[in-house]
Amino acid sequence: MGREMKNSPALREEGIRNADFLHDIKSALEFYRELGFERLPLRMQKMNHAADSMSKDAALKALREEIGDCTRCKLSRERRNVVFGEGNSDASLMFIGEAPGREEDLQARPFVGDAGTLLTRLIEKMGFKREDVYIANIVKCRPPQNRDPEADEIGICRGFVERQIGIIKPRVIMSLGRISAMTLTGDVKLKITAIRGSFLDYKGIPLMPTFHPAYLIRNPRDKWLTWTDAQRVLKLLRDE
């Protein structure tokens, strides 16, 4: 039976095709050699997509280890956990909020409370899953009584989220709330009601400011405005 398979028409035909293929490669190599090329004029991709994702995972892990059990600012006195961020290290879309809340502090995960439920609904309405995007905050520790993070706390912590952005290299960022947009743009006087819905720029990355989900819980009538902002983000992603 082994001899019959070796002599089958299909295998003979495949052998002929392989021989022709090798002959074509040999002819091409001889052609380029006669032209004086020492190597083929091809440009090889240095790193495939999977390897790139692995390197980003490693870079984010190293950054998390660098942060450690952070005591760099006064927020460390009352927080329970550092909330680093989570999601796809190779995400095309990144959401950046302001600071962890009570549930986030307990679970060490961003946006898992009521505001997180609303953000998850938005992400899914946009056609993604939470694991498809990356979610982080400007500061990594919960401010007492959920107050706004103060300027010195932001100044100490902002470098970490900037490095997260640099590692992930998202195609678009959606900033959630005034403090996130203010920090990423460097404009301390901006008003979220005035800038939301229009693309700004963060180091060459389109930045869409929109309302924080906690605001939308208190003002549900403005949810349609955030959905309008999300649709503009989706259009940009499609166009690219």
Protein backbone atom coordinates (compact mmCIF):
# COMPACT_ATOMS: atom_id res chain seq x y z
CA MET A 1 0.00 0.00 0.00
CA GLY A 2 2.93 2.35 0.78
CA ARG A 3 4.27 1.79 -2.76
CA GLU A 4 0.84 2.54 -4.26
CA MET A 5 0.68 5.87 -2.35
CA LYS A 6 4.16 6.85 -3.50
CA ASN A 7 3.20 6.15 -7.10
CA SER A 8 -0.22 7.81 -6.93
CA PRO A 9 -0.98 10.46 -9.61
CA ALA A 10 -1.69 13.09 -6.92
CA LEU A 11 1.70 12.67 -5.28
CA ARG A 12 3.49 12.63 -8.64
CA GLU A 13 1.73 15.87 -9.58
CA GLU A 14 2.68 17.47 -6.25
CA GLY A 15 6.30 16.41 -6.79
CA ILE A 16 6.31 18.03 -10.22
CA ARG A 17 4.90 21.27 -8.77
CA ASN A 18 7.55 21.32 -6.04
CA ALA A 19 10.30 20.73 -8.58
CA ASP A 20 8.97 23.58 -10.75
CA PHE A 21 8.80 25.85 -7.70
CA LEU A 22 12.41 25.10 -6.75
CA HIS A 23 13.50 25.66 -10.35
CA ASP A 24 11.79 29.08 -10.33
CA ILE A 25 13.56 30.05 -7.09
CA LYS A 26 16.91 28.94 -8.47
CA SER A 27 16.34 30.94 -11.65
CA ALA A 28 15.42 34.04 -9.65
CA LEU A 29 18.52 33.73 -7.48
CA GLU A 30 20.77 33.36 -10.53
CA PHE A 31 19.08 36.38 -12.14
CA TYR A 32 19.76 38.64 -9.15
CA ARG A 33 23.32 37.33 -8.84
CA GLU A 34 24.01 38.26 -12.45
CA LEU A 35 22.71 41.76 -11.71
CA GLY A 36 25.31 42.11 -8.96
CA PHE A 37 23.06 41.70 -5.89
CA GLU A 38 24.71 40.07 -2.90
CA ARG A 39 21.35 39.61 -1.20
CA LEU A 40 17.74 39.62 -2.35
CA PRO A 41 16.11 43.08 -2.41
CA LEU A 42 13.54 42.16 0.22
CA ARG A 43 12.62 43.93 3.46
CA MET A 44 11.69 41.52 6.24
CA GLN A 45 9.32 42.53 9.03
CA LYS A 46 11.32 42.60 12.26
CA MET A 47 8.57 41.49 14.60
CA ASN A 48 5.22 39.87 13.91
CA HIS A 49 2.01 40.88 15.62
CA ALA A 50 2.09 38.12 18.24
CA ALA A 51 5.65 38.88 19.27
CA ASP A 52 4.81 42.58 19.51
CA SER A 53 1.89 41.82 21.85
CA MET A 54 4.14 39.67 24.02
CA SER A 55 6.69 42.46 24.30
CA LYS A 56 3.95 44.90 25.31
CA ASP A 57 2.69 42.48 27.97
CA ALA A 58 6.20 42.21 29.34
CA ALA A 59 6.66 45.99 29.34
CA LEU A 60 3.38 46.53 31.20
CA LYS A 61 4.32 43.85 33.72
CA ALA A 62 7.68 45.52 34.30
CA LEU A 63 5.96 48.88 34.81
CA ARG A 64 3.55 47.36 37.33
CA GLU A 65 6.48 45.86 39.22
CA GLU A 66 8.21 49.24 39.18
CA ILE A 67 5.17 50.88 40.77
CA GLY A 68 5.11 48.17 43.43
CA ASP A 69 3.30 48.91 46.70
CA CYS A 70 3.52 52.60 45.90
CA THR A 71 4.05 55.20 48.65
CA ARG A 72 5.09 58.07 46.40
CA CYS A 73 2.19 60.35 47.39
CA LYS A 74 -0.26 60.79 50.26
CA LEU A 75 -2.97 58.72 48.54
CA SER A 76 -1.08 55.62 49.69
CA ARG A 77 -2.03 56.32 53.31
CA GLU A 78 -5.67 55.26 52.96
CA ARG A 79 -5.90 53.20 49.82
CA ARG A 80 -6.05 49.41 49.95
CA ASN A 81 -4.77 48.51 46.49
CA VAL A 82 -2.91 50.07 43.61
CA VAL A 83 -5.23 49.97 40.58
CA PHE A 84 -2.86 49.64 37.65
CA GLY A 85 -5.16 49.05 34.68
CA GLU A 86 -6.30 46.12 32.59
CA GLY A 87 -7.14 44.99 29.09
CA ASN A 88 -5.53 44.25 25.77
CA SER A 89 -1.92 45.40 25.66
CA ASP A 90 -2.26 45.81 21.89
CA ALA A 91 -5.61 47.64 22.03
CA SER A 92 -6.57 50.11 19.34
CA LEU A 93 -8.81 51.95 21.82
CA MET A 94 -7.84 53.07 25.32
CA PHE A 95 -10.13 54.54 28.00
CA ILE A 96 -8.54 56.72 30.68
CA GLY A 97 -10.49 57.82 33.72
CA GLU A 98 -9.55 59.96 36.71
CA ALA A 99 -9.04 57.77 39.79
CA PRO A 100 -10.25 54.51 41.35
CA GLY A 101 -13.38 54.49 43.48
CA ARG A 102 -14.39 52.30 46.41
CA GLU A 103 -15.03 49.11 44.45
CA GLU A 104 -11.95 49.61 42.33
CA ASP A 105 -9.85 50.04 45.48
CA LEU A 106 -11.25 46.81 46.92
CA GLN A 107 -10.81 44.73 43.75
CA ALA A 108 -7.65 46.38 42.38
CA ARG A 109 -9.36 46.72 39.00
CA PRO A 110 -10.45 49.86 37.11
CA PHE A 111 -14.12 50.67 36.56
CA VAL A 112 -15.84 47.77 38.31
CA GLY A 113 -18.42 49.70 40.35
CA ASP A 114 -21.62 51.31 39.06
CA ALA A 115 -19.63 53.60 36.78
CA GLY A 116 -17.76 50.56 35.52
CA THR A 117 -21.02 48.82 34.62
CA LEU A 118 -21.99 51.84 32.54
CA LEU A 119 -18.59 51.95 30.85
CA THR A 120 -18.81 48.24 30.04
CA ARG A 121 -22.19 48.82 28.38
CA LEU A 122 -20.69 51.60 26.29
CA ILE A 123 -17.76 49.40 25.26
CA GLU A 124 -20.10 46.59 24.24
CA LYS A 125 -22.40 48.98 22.39
CA MET A 126 -19.35 50.09 20.41
CA GLY A 127 -18.86 46.47 19.34
CA PHE A 128 -15.99 45.59 21.68
CA LYS A 129 -15.52 43.53 24.82
CA ARG A 130 -13.68 44.82 27.87
CA GLU A 131 -10.78 42.51 27.06
CA ASP A 132 -10.48 44.10 23.60
CA VAL A 133 -9.70 47.59 24.94
CA TYR A 134 -7.41 48.91 27.67
CA ILE A 135 -8.73 50.76 30.72
CA ALA A 136 -6.66 52.85 33.13
CA ASN A 137 -6.81 55.96 35.34
CA ILE A 138 -4.70 59.09 35.72
CA VAL A 139 -3.89 58.18 39.34
CA LYS A 140 -3.59 54.61 40.57
CA CYS A 141 -4.89 55.00 44.14
CA ARG A 142 -8.31 55.98 45.47
CA PRO A 143 -8.58 59.53 46.85
CA PRO A 144 -10.31 59.69 50.26
CA GLN A 145 -14.11 59.96 49.99
CA ASN A 146 -13.70 59.82 46.21
CA ARG A 147 -12.58 63.45 46.05
CA ASP A 148 -10.83 64.73 42.94
CA PRO A 149 -7.12 63.89 42.82
CA GLU A 150 -5.05 66.93 43.70
CA ALA A 151 -2.38 68.54 41.55
CA ASP A 152 0.57 67.09 43.45
CA GLU A 153 -0.94 63.59 43.33
CA ILE A 154 -1.53 63.89 39.59
CA GLY A 155 1.97 65.23 39.06
CA ILE A 156 3.55 62.26 40.82
CA CYS A 157 1.37 59.61 39.16
CA ARG A 158 0.73 60.87 35.61
CA GLY A 159 4.03 59.50 34.33
CA PHE A 160 2.76 55.97 34.83
CA VAL A 161 -0.34 56.35 32.65
CA GLU A 162 1.76 58.15 30.06
CA ARG A 163 4.09 55.17 29.96
CA GLN A 164 1.11 52.83 29.65
CA ILE A 165 -0.02 54.82 26.62
CA GLY A 166 3.49 54.70 25.20
CA ILE A 167 3.62 50.92 25.55
CA ILE A 168 0.14 50.18 24.19
CA LYS A 169 0.23 52.79 21.41
CA PRO A 170 -3.55 52.90 20.92
CA ARG A 171 -4.97 54.37 17.74
CA VAL A 172 -7.50 56.42 19.75
CA ILE A 173 -7.90 57.47 23.40
CA MET A 174 -11.21 58.30 25.06
CA SER A 175 -10.63 60.38 28.19
CA LEU A 176 -13.39 60.07 30.78
CA GLY A 177 -14.09 63.25 32.69
CA ARG A 178 -12.53 66.67 33.11
CA ILE A 179 -9.44 65.67 35.09
CA SER A 180 -8.43 63.00 32.60
CA ALA A 181 -8.75 65.39 29.65
CA MET A 182 -7.08 68.21 31.57
CA THR A 183 -4.10 66.03 32.50
CA LEU A 184 -3.58 64.55 29.05
CA THR A 185 -3.86 67.89 27.26
CA GLY A 186 -2.03 69.94 29.89
CA ASP A 187 -4.84 72.52 29.90
CA VAL A 188 -6.00 73.10 33.49
CA LYS A 189 -8.67 75.59 32.44
CA LEU A 190 -10.66 73.43 30.05
CA LYS A 191 -14.32 72.61 30.61
CA ILE A 192 -15.50 69.15 29.64
CA THR A 193 -18.83 70.52 28.42
CA ALA A 194 -16.98 72.75 25.97
CA ILE A 195 -14.46 70.26 24.58
CA ARG A 196 -16.26 66.93 24.59
CA GLY A 197 -17.14 65.60 21.16
CA SER A 198 -14.13 67.17 19.41
CA PHE A 199 -10.88 65.37 18.80
CA LEU A 200 -7.83 66.76 20.57
CA ASP A 201 -4.27 65.48 20.34
CA TYR A 202 -2.11 63.54 22.76
CA LYS A 203 1.41 63.14 21.35
CA GLY A 204 0.07 62.34 17.90
CA ILE A 205 -2.78 60.12 19.13
CA PRO A 206 -6.36 61.35 18.58
CA LEU A 207 -7.96 62.07 21.95
CA MET A 208 -11.73 62.18 22.37
CA PRO A 209 -12.83 63.80 25.66
CA THR A 210 -16.21 62.69 26.96
CA PHE A 211 -18.16 62.58 30.21
CA HIS A 212 -17.12 60.32 33.07
CA PRO A 213 -19.59 57.44 33.60
CA ALA A 214 -20.14 58.61 37.20
CA TYR A 215 -21.42 61.92 35.80
CA LEU A 216 -23.78 60.05 33.47
CA ILE A 217 -25.25 58.14 36.42
CA ARG A 218 -26.20 61.50 37.94
CA ASN A 219 -27.19 63.00 34.60
CA PRO A 220 -28.60 60.16 32.45
CA ARG A 221 -30.05 62.61 29.92
CA ASP A 222 -26.50 63.23 28.67
CA LYS A 223 -25.81 59.60 27.80
CA TRP A 224 -26.68 60.29 24.17
CA LEU A 225 -23.88 62.87 24.03
CA THR A 226 -21.33 60.27 25.10
CA TRP A 227 -22.73 57.85 22.52
CA THR A 228 -22.28 60.55 19.88
CA ASP A 229 -18.64 60.91 20.97
CA ALA A 230 -18.21 57.12 20.79
CA GLN A 231 -19.62 57.05 17.26
CA ARG A 232 -17.02 59.58 16.15
CA VAL A 233 -14.32 57.37 17.62
CA LEU A 234 -15.71 54.37 15.76
CA LYS A 235 -15.78 56.33 12.51
CA LEU A 236 -12.14 57.30 12.97
CA LEU A 237 -11.17 53.67 13.63
CA ARG A 238 -13.06 52.54 10.52
CA ASP A 239 -11.54 55.26 8.34
CA GLU A 240 -8.03 54.34 9.44
